[in-house]
ModelCIF file with pLDDT and N, C-alpha, C, O atoms, coordinates in Angstrom:
data_MODEL
#
_entry.id   MODEL 
#
_entity.id                         1 
_entity.type                       polymer 
_entity.pdbx_number_of_molecules   1 
#
_entity_poly.entity_id                      1 
_entity_poly.type                           'polypeptide(L)' 
_entity_poly.nstd_linkage                   no 
_entity_poly.nstd_monomer                   no 
_entity_poly.pdbx_seq_one_letter_code       
;(UNK)(UNK)(UNK)(UNK)(UNK)(UNK)(UNK)(UNK)(UNK)(UNK)(UNK)(UNK)(UNK)(UNK)(UNK)(UNK)
(UNK)(UNK)(UNK)(UNK)(UNK)(UNK)(UNK)(UNK)(UNK)(UNK)(UNK)(UNK)(UNK)(UNK)(UNK)(UNK)
(UNK)(UNK)
;
_entity_poly.pdbx_seq_one_letter_code_can   XXXXXXXXXXXXXXXXXXXXXXXXXXXXXXXXXX 
_entity_poly.pdbx_strand_id                 A 
#
loop_
_entity_poly_seq.entity_id 
_entity_poly_seq.num 
_entity_poly_seq.mon_id 
_entity_poly_seq.hetero 
1 1  UNK n 
1 2  UNK n 
1 3  UNK n 
1 4  UNK n 
1 5  UNK n 
1 6  UNK n 
1 7  UNK n 
1 8  UNK n 
1 9  UNK n 
1 10 UNK n 
1 11 UNK n 
1 12 UNK n 
1 13 UNK n 
1 14 UNK n 
1 15 UNK n 
1 16 UNK n 
1 17 UNK n 
1 18 UNK n 
1 19 UNK n 
1 20 UNK n 
1 21 UNK n 
1 22 UNK n 
1 23 UNK n 
1 24 UNK n 
1 25 UNK n 
1 26 UNK n 
1 27 UNK n 
1 28 UNK n 
1 29 UNK n 
1 30 UNK n 
1 31 UNK n 
1 32 UNK n 
1 33 UNK n 
1 34 UNK n 
#
_struct_asym.id          A 
_struct_asym.entity_id   1 
#
loop_
_ma_qa_metric.id 
_ma_qa_metric.mode 
_ma_qa_metric.name 
_ma_qa_metric.software_group_id 
_ma_qa_metric.type 
1 global pLDDT . pLDDT 
2 local  pLDDT . pLDDT 
#
_ma_qa_metric_global.metric_id      1 
_ma_qa_metric_global.metric_value   96.06 
_ma_qa_metric_global.model_id       1 
_ma_qa_metric_global.ordinal_id     1 
#
loop_
_ma_qa_metric_local.label_asym_id 
_ma_qa_metric_local.label_comp_id 
_ma_qa_metric_local.label_seq_id 
_ma_qa_metric_local.metric_id 
_ma_qa_metric_local.metric_value 
_ma_qa_metric_local.model_id 
_ma_qa_metric_local.ordinal_id 
A UNK 1  2 98.00 1 1  
A UNK 2  2 98.00 1 2  
A UNK 3  2 97.00 1 3  
A UNK 4  2 97.00 1 4  
A UNK 5  2 97.00 1 5  
A UNK 6  2 95.00 1 6  
A UNK 7  2 95.00 1 7  
A UNK 8  2 92.00 1 8  
A UNK 9  2 85.00 1 9  
A UNK 10 2 92.00 1 10 
A UNK 11 2 94.00 1 11 
A UNK 12 2 96.00 1 12 
A UNK 13 2 97.00 1 13 
A UNK 14 2 97.00 1 14 
A UNK 15 2 97.00 1 15 
A UNK 16 2 98.00 1 16 
A UNK 17 2 98.00 1 17 
A UNK 18 2 98.00 1 18 
A UNK 19 2 97.00 1 19 
A UNK 20 2 97.00 1 20 
A UNK 21 2 97.00 1 21 
A UNK 22 2 98.00 1 22 
A UNK 23 2 97.00 1 23 
A UNK 24 2 98.00 1 24 
A UNK 25 2 97.00 1 25 
A UNK 26 2 98.00 1 26 
A UNK 27 2 98.00 1 27 
A UNK 28 2 98.00 1 28 
A UNK 29 2 98.00 1 29 
A UNK 30 2 98.00 1 30 
A UNK 31 2 98.00 1 31 
A UNK 32 2 94.00 1 32 
A UNK 33 2 93.00 1 33 
A UNK 34 2 89.00 1 34 
#
loop_
_atom_site.group_PDB 
_atom_site.id 
_atom_site.type_symbol 
_atom_site.label_atom_id 
_atom_site.label_alt_id 
_atom_site.label_comp_id 
_atom_site.label_asym_id 
_atom_site.label_entity_id 
_atom_site.label_seq_id 
_atom_site.pdbx_PDB_ins_code 
_atom_site.Cartn_x 
_atom_site.Cartn_y 
_atom_site.Cartn_z 
_atom_site.occupancy 
_atom_site.B_iso_or_equiv 
_atom_site.pdbx_formal_charge 
_atom_site.auth_seq_id 
_atom_site.auth_comp_id 
_atom_site.auth_asym_id 
_atom_site.auth_atom_id 
_atom_site.pdbx_PDB_model_num 
ATOM 1   N N  . UNK A 1 1  ? 0.851   -1.189 0.000   1.00 98.00 ? 1  UNK A N  1 
ATOM 2   C CA . UNK A 1 1  ? 0.000   0.000  0.000   1.00 98.00 ? 1  UNK A CA 1 
ATOM 3   C C  . UNK A 1 1  ? 0.888   1.242  0.000   1.00 98.00 ? 1  UNK A C  1 
ATOM 4   O O  . UNK A 1 1  ? 1.701   1.430  0.905   1.00 98.00 ? 1  UNK A O  1 
ATOM 5   N N  . UNK A 1 2  ? 0.731   2.085  -1.017  1.00 98.00 ? 2  UNK A N  1 
ATOM 6   C CA . UNK A 1 2  ? 1.587   3.269  -1.146  1.00 98.00 ? 2  UNK A CA 1 
ATOM 7   C C  . UNK A 1 2  ? 0.881   4.562  -0.750  1.00 98.00 ? 2  UNK A C  1 
ATOM 8   O O  . UNK A 1 2  ? 1.528   5.600  -0.612  1.00 98.00 ? 2  UNK A O  1 
ATOM 9   N N  . UNK A 1 3  ? -0.443  4.512  -0.565  1.00 97.00 ? 3  UNK A N  1 
ATOM 10  C CA . UNK A 1 3  ? -1.173  5.729  -0.165  1.00 97.00 ? 3  UNK A CA 1 
ATOM 11  C C  . UNK A 1 3  ? -2.527  5.349  0.399   1.00 97.00 ? 3  UNK A C  1 
ATOM 12  O O  . UNK A 1 3  ? -3.169  4.405  -0.061  1.00 97.00 ? 3  UNK A O  1 
ATOM 13  N N  . UNK A 1 4  ? -2.953  6.106  1.413   1.00 97.00 ? 4  UNK A N  1 
ATOM 14  C CA . UNK A 1 4  ? -4.316  6.033  1.945   1.00 97.00 ? 4  UNK A CA 1 
ATOM 15  C C  . UNK A 1 4  ? -4.804  7.470  2.086   1.00 97.00 ? 4  UNK A C  1 
ATOM 16  O O  . UNK A 1 4  ? -4.177  8.267  2.784   1.00 97.00 ? 4  UNK A O  1 
ATOM 17  N N  . UNK A 1 5  ? -5.903  7.809  1.441   1.00 97.00 ? 5  UNK A N  1 
ATOM 18  C CA . UNK A 1 5  ? -6.382  9.197  1.465   1.00 97.00 ? 5  UNK A CA 1 
ATOM 19  C C  . UNK A 1 5  ? -7.800  9.284  2.030   1.00 97.00 ? 5  UNK A C  1 
ATOM 20  O O  . UNK A 1 5  ? -8.568  8.323  1.985   1.00 97.00 ? 5  UNK A O  1 
ATOM 21  N N  . UNK A 1 6  ? -8.118  10.452 2.556   1.00 95.00 ? 6  UNK A N  1 
ATOM 22  C CA . UNK A 1 6  ? -9.427  10.746 3.138   1.00 95.00 ? 6  UNK A CA 1 
ATOM 23  C C  . UNK A 1 6  ? -9.893  12.082 2.571   1.00 95.00 ? 6  UNK A C  1 
ATOM 24  O O  . UNK A 1 6  ? -9.274  13.116 2.820   1.00 95.00 ? 6  UNK A O  1 
ATOM 25  N N  . UNK A 1 7  ? -10.993 12.059 1.802   1.00 95.00 ? 7  UNK A N  1 
ATOM 26  C CA . UNK A 1 7  ? -11.477 13.274 1.144   1.00 95.00 ? 7  UNK A CA 1 
ATOM 27  C C  . UNK A 1 7  ? -12.402 14.090 2.028   1.00 95.00 ? 7  UNK A C  1 
ATOM 28  O O  . UNK A 1 7  ? -12.871 15.148 1.606   1.00 95.00 ? 7  UNK A O  1 
ATOM 29  N N  . UNK A 1 8  ? -12.677 13.634 3.235   1.00 92.00 ? 8  UNK A N  1 
ATOM 30  C CA . UNK A 1 8  ? -13.591 14.377 4.101   1.00 92.00 ? 8  UNK A CA 1 
ATOM 31  C C  . UNK A 1 8  ? -14.963 14.553 3.492   1.00 92.00 ? 8  UNK A C  1 
ATOM 32  O O  . UNK A 1 8  ? -15.655 15.536 3.759   1.00 92.00 ? 8  UNK A O  1 
ATOM 33  N N  . UNK A 1 9  ? -15.354 13.582 2.663   1.00 85.00 ? 9  UNK A N  1 
ATOM 34  C CA . UNK A 1 9  ? -16.635 13.593 1.963   1.00 85.00 ? 9  UNK A CA 1 
ATOM 35  C C  . UNK A 1 9  ? -16.797 14.795 1.036   1.00 85.00 ? 9  UNK A C  1 
ATOM 36  O O  . UNK A 1 9  ? -17.916 15.261 0.818   1.00 85.00 ? 9  UNK A O  1 
ATOM 37  N N  . UNK A 1 10 ? -15.700 15.296 0.494   1.00 92.00 ? 10 UNK A N  1 
ATOM 38  C CA . UNK A 1 10 ? -15.744 16.412 -0.452  1.00 92.00 ? 10 UNK A CA 1 
ATOM 39  C C  . UNK A 1 10 ? -15.228 15.931 -1.798  1.00 92.00 ? 10 UNK A C  1 
ATOM 40  O O  . UNK A 1 10 ? -14.092 15.471 -1.903  1.00 92.00 ? 10 UNK A O  1 
ATOM 41  N N  . UNK A 1 11 ? -16.059 16.037 -2.824  1.00 94.00 ? 11 UNK A N  1 
ATOM 42  C CA . UNK A 1 11 ? -15.700 15.537 -4.144  1.00 94.00 ? 11 UNK A CA 1 
ATOM 43  C C  . UNK A 1 11 ? -14.456 16.229 -4.688  1.00 94.00 ? 11 UNK A C  1 
ATOM 44  O O  . UNK A 1 11 ? -13.595 15.588 -5.290  1.00 94.00 ? 11 UNK A O  1 
ATOM 45  N N  . UNK A 1 12 ? -14.363 17.553 -4.473  1.00 96.00 ? 12 UNK A N  1 
ATOM 46  C CA . UNK A 1 12 ? -13.205 18.283 -5.015  1.00 96.00 ? 12 UNK A CA 1 
ATOM 47  C C  . UNK A 1 12 ? -11.904 17.825 -4.365  1.00 96.00 ? 12 UNK A C  1 
ATOM 48  O O  . UNK A 1 12 ? -10.862 17.790 -5.020  1.00 96.00 ? 12 UNK A O  1 
ATOM 49  N N  . UNK A 1 13 ? -11.956 17.476 -3.092  1.00 97.00 ? 13 UNK A N  1 
ATOM 50  C CA . UNK A 1 13 ? -10.769 16.973 -2.426  1.00 97.00 ? 13 UNK A CA 1 
ATOM 51  C C  . UNK A 1 13 ? -10.414 15.591 -2.953  1.00 97.00 ? 13 UNK A C  1 
ATOM 52  O O  . UNK A 1 13 ? -9.237  15.264 -3.108  1.00 97.00 ? 13 UNK A O  1 
ATOM 53  N N  . UNK A 1 14 ? -11.425 14.784 -3.228  1.00 97.00 ? 14 UNK A N  1 
ATOM 54  C CA . UNK A 1 14 ? -11.143 13.444 -3.734  1.00 97.00 ? 14 UNK A CA 1 
ATOM 55  C C  . UNK A 1 14 ? -10.532 13.493 -5.134  1.00 97.00 ? 14 UNK A C  1 
ATOM 56  O O  . UNK A 1 14 ? -9.652  12.695 -5.458  1.00 97.00 ? 14 UNK A O  1 
ATOM 57  N N  . UNK A 1 15 ? -10.986 14.406 -5.943  1.00 97.00 ? 15 UNK A N  1 
ATOM 58  C CA . UNK A 1 15 ? -10.366 14.576 -7.267  1.00 97.00 ? 15 UNK A CA 1 
ATOM 59  C C  . UNK A 1 15 ? -8.884  14.903 -7.104  1.00 97.00 ? 15 UNK A C  1 
ATOM 60  O O  . UNK A 1 15 ? -8.042  14.354 -7.814  1.00 97.00 ? 15 UNK A O  1 
ATOM 61  N N  . UNK A 1 16 ? -8.573  15.787 -6.178  1.00 98.00 ? 16 UNK A N  1 
ATOM 62  C CA . UNK A 1 16 ? -7.170  16.124 -5.914  1.00 98.00 ? 16 UNK A CA 1 
ATOM 63  C C  . UNK A 1 16 ? -6.415  14.901 -5.389  1.00 98.00 ? 16 UNK A C  1 
ATOM 64  O O  . UNK A 1 16 ? -5.260  14.681 -5.754  1.00 98.00 ? 16 UNK A O  1 
ATOM 65  N N  . UNK A 1 17 ? -7.066  14.104 -4.532  1.00 98.00 ? 17 UNK A N  1 
ATOM 66  C CA . UNK A 1 17 ? -6.428  12.896 -3.993  1.00 98.00 ? 17 UNK A CA 1 
ATOM 67  C C  . UNK A 1 17 ? -6.108  11.909 -5.113  1.00 98.00 ? 17 UNK A C  1 
ATOM 68  O O  . UNK A 1 17 ? -5.029  11.319 -5.139  1.00 98.00 ? 17 UNK A O  1 
ATOM 69  N N  . UNK A 1 18 ? -7.052  11.736 -6.035  1.00 98.00 ? 18 UNK A N  1 
ATOM 70  C CA . UNK A 1 18 ? -6.837  10.811 -7.154  1.00 98.00 ? 18 UNK A CA 1 
ATOM 71  C C  . UNK A 1 18 ? -5.647  11.264 -7.995  1.00 98.00 ? 18 UNK A C  1 
ATOM 72  O O  . UNK A 1 18 ? -4.816  10.449 -8.396  1.00 98.00 ? 18 UNK A O  1 
ATOM 73  N N  . UNK A 1 19 ? -5.569  12.558 -8.256  1.00 97.00 ? 19 UNK A N  1 
ATOM 74  C CA . UNK A 1 19 ? -4.454  13.086 -9.052  1.00 97.00 ? 19 UNK A CA 1 
ATOM 75  C C  . UNK A 1 19 ? -3.121  12.890 -8.333  1.00 97.00 ? 19 UNK A C  1 
ATOM 76  O O  . UNK A 1 19 ? -2.114  12.569 -8.965  1.00 97.00 ? 19 UNK A O  1 
ATOM 77  N N  . UNK A 1 20 ? -3.112  13.083 -7.022  1.00 97.00 ? 20 UNK A N  1 
ATOM 78  C CA . UNK A 1 20 ? -1.878  12.878 -6.257  1.00 97.00 ? 20 UNK A CA 1 
ATOM 79  C C  . UNK A 1 20 ? -1.463  11.414 -6.265  1.00 97.00 ? 20 UNK A C  1 
ATOM 80  O O  . UNK A 1 20 ? -0.285  11.087 -6.408  1.00 97.00 ? 20 UNK A O  1 
ATOM 81  N N  . UNK A 1 21 ? -2.449  10.543 -6.109  1.00 97.00 ? 21 UNK A N  1 
ATOM 82  C CA . UNK A 1 21 ? -2.170  9.101  -6.095  1.00 97.00 ? 21 UNK A CA 1 
ATOM 83  C C  . UNK A 1 21 ? -1.641  8.638  -7.445  1.00 97.00 ? 21 UNK A C  1 
ATOM 84  O O  . UNK A 1 21 ? -0.752  7.789  -7.508  1.00 97.00 ? 21 UNK A O  1 
ATOM 85  N N  . UNK A 1 22 ? -2.181  9.190  -8.519  1.00 98.00 ? 22 UNK A N  1 
ATOM 86  C CA . UNK A 1 22 ? -1.731  8.782  -9.853  1.00 98.00 ? 22 UNK A CA 1 
ATOM 87  C C  . UNK A 1 22 ? -0.236  9.006  -10.045 1.00 98.00 ? 22 UNK A C  1 
ATOM 88  O O  . UNK A 1 22 ? 0.424   8.261  -10.770 1.00 98.00 ? 22 UNK A O  1 
ATOM 89  N N  . UNK A 1 23 ? 0.294   10.041 -9.388  1.00 97.00 ? 23 UNK A N  1 
ATOM 90  C CA . UNK A 1 23 ? 1.729   10.316 -9.502  1.00 97.00 ? 23 UNK A CA 1 
ATOM 91  C C  . UNK A 1 23 ? 2.574   9.186  -8.912  1.00 97.00 ? 23 UNK A C  1 
ATOM 92  O O  . UNK A 1 23 ? 3.744   9.038  -9.263  1.00 97.00 ? 23 UNK A O  1 
ATOM 93  N N  . UNK A 1 24 ? 1.984   8.393  -8.019  1.00 98.00 ? 24 UNK A N  1 
ATOM 94  C CA . UNK A 1 24 ? 2.688   7.263  -7.405  1.00 98.00 ? 24 UNK A CA 1 
ATOM 95  C C  . UNK A 1 24 ? 2.618   6.006  -8.270  1.00 98.00 ? 24 UNK A C  1 
ATOM 96  O O  . UNK A 1 24 ? 3.295   5.017  -7.990  1.00 98.00 ? 24 UNK A O  1 
ATOM 97  N N  . UNK A 1 25 ? 1.805   6.049  -9.311  1.00 97.00 ? 25 UNK A N  1 
ATOM 98  C CA . UNK A 1 25 ? 1.647   4.960  -10.277 1.00 97.00 ? 25 UNK A CA 1 
ATOM 99  C C  . UNK A 1 25 ? 1.330   3.609  -9.616  1.00 97.00 ? 25 UNK A C  1 
ATOM 100 O O  . UNK A 1 25 ? 2.029   2.627  -9.865  1.00 97.00 ? 25 UNK A O  1 
ATOM 101 N N  . UNK A 1 26 ? 0.291   3.549  -8.782  1.00 98.00 ? 26 UNK A N  1 
ATOM 102 C CA . UNK A 1 26 ? -0.082  2.260  -8.195  1.00 98.00 ? 26 UNK A CA 1 
ATOM 103 C C  . UNK A 1 26 ? -0.680  1.346  -9.254  1.00 98.00 ? 26 UNK A C  1 
ATOM 104 O O  . UNK A 1 26 ? -1.242  1.816  -10.243 1.00 98.00 ? 26 UNK A O  1 
ATOM 105 N N  . UNK A 1 27 ? -0.560  0.056  -9.049  1.00 98.00 ? 27 UNK A N  1 
ATOM 106 C CA . UNK A 1 27 ? -1.185  -0.893 -9.962  1.00 98.00 ? 27 UNK A CA 1 
ATOM 107 C C  . UNK A 1 27 ? -2.690  -0.973 -9.718  1.00 98.00 ? 27 UNK A C  1 
ATOM 108 O O  . UNK A 1 27 ? -3.469  -1.208 -10.642 1.00 98.00 ? 27 UNK A O  1 
ATOM 109 N N  . UNK A 1 28 ? -3.087  -0.775 -8.457  1.00 98.00 ? 28 UNK A N  1 
ATOM 110 C CA . UNK A 1 28 ? -4.479  -0.957 -8.054  1.00 98.00 ? 28 UNK A CA 1 
ATOM 111 C C  . UNK A 1 28 ? -4.948  0.259  -7.256  1.00 98.00 ? 28 UNK A C  1 
ATOM 112 O O  . UNK A 1 28 ? -4.178  0.849  -6.499  1.00 98.00 ? 28 UNK A O  1 
ATOM 113 N N  . UNK A 1 29 ? -6.202  0.620  -7.431  1.00 98.00 ? 29 UNK A N  1 
ATOM 114 C CA . UNK A 1 29 ? -6.832  1.638  -6.584  1.00 98.00 ? 29 UNK A CA 1 
ATOM 115 C C  . UNK A 1 29 ? -8.129  1.059  -6.037  1.00 98.00 ? 29 UNK A C  1 
ATOM 116 O O  . UNK A 1 29 ? -8.997  0.639  -6.802  1.00 98.00 ? 29 UNK A O  1 
ATOM 117 N N  . UNK A 1 30 ? -8.264  1.034  -4.710  1.00 98.00 ? 30 UNK A N  1 
ATOM 118 C CA . UNK A 1 30 ? -9.499  0.638  -4.055  1.00 98.00 ? 30 UNK A CA 1 
ATOM 119 C C  . UNK A 1 30 ? -10.142 1.909  -3.526  1.00 98.00 ? 30 UNK A C  1 
ATOM 120 O O  . UNK A 1 30 ? -9.511  2.662  -2.785  1.00 98.00 ? 30 UNK A O  1 
ATOM 121 N N  . UNK A 1 31 ? -11.397 2.154  -3.903  1.00 98.00 ? 31 UNK A N  1 
ATOM 122 C CA . UNK A 1 31 ? -11.938 3.485  -3.641  1.00 98.00 ? 31 UNK A CA 1 
ATOM 123 C C  . UNK A 1 31 ? -13.456 3.506  -3.604  1.00 98.00 ? 31 UNK A C  1 
ATOM 124 O O  . UNK A 1 31 ? -14.121 2.644  -4.179  1.00 98.00 ? 31 UNK A O  1 
ATOM 125 N N  . UNK A 1 32 ? -13.993 4.509  -2.916  1.00 94.00 ? 32 UNK A N  1 
ATOM 126 C CA . UNK A 1 32 ? -15.421 4.803  -2.957  1.00 94.00 ? 32 UNK A CA 1 
ATOM 127 C C  . UNK A 1 32 ? -15.590 6.280  -3.290  1.00 94.00 ? 32 UNK A C  1 
ATOM 128 O O  . UNK A 1 32 ? -15.043 7.130  -2.587  1.00 94.00 ? 32 UNK A O  1 
ATOM 129 N N  . UNK A 1 33 ? -16.330 6.603  -4.338  1.00 93.00 ? 33 UNK A N  1 
ATOM 130 C CA . UNK A 1 33 ? -16.503 8.010  -4.716  1.00 93.00 ? 33 UNK A CA 1 
ATOM 131 C C  . UNK A 1 33 ? -17.288 8.793  -3.659  1.00 93.00 ? 33 UNK A C  1 
ATOM 132 O O  . UNK A 1 33 ? -18.288 8.309  -3.129  1.00 93.00 ? 33 UNK A O  1 
ATOM 133 N N  . UNK A 1 34 ? -16.826 9.994  -3.365  1.00 89.00 ? 34 UNK A N  1 
ATOM 134 C CA . UNK A 1 34 ? -17.584 10.886 -2.493  1.00 89.00 ? 34 UNK A CA 1 
ATOM 135 C C  . UNK A 1 34 ? -18.850 11.361 -3.205  1.00 89.00 ? 34 UNK A C  1 
ATOM 136 O O  . UNK A 1 34 ? -19.629 12.125 -2.636  1.00 89.00 ? 34 UNK A O  1 
#
């Protein structure tokens, strides 16, 4: 596991989290959309 993020139930924060995570180039993303 290379990242765990919490969007605080805000969609705009989750979009930013997804972009940050993409920079780490994970093979898998487990997620629930805000």
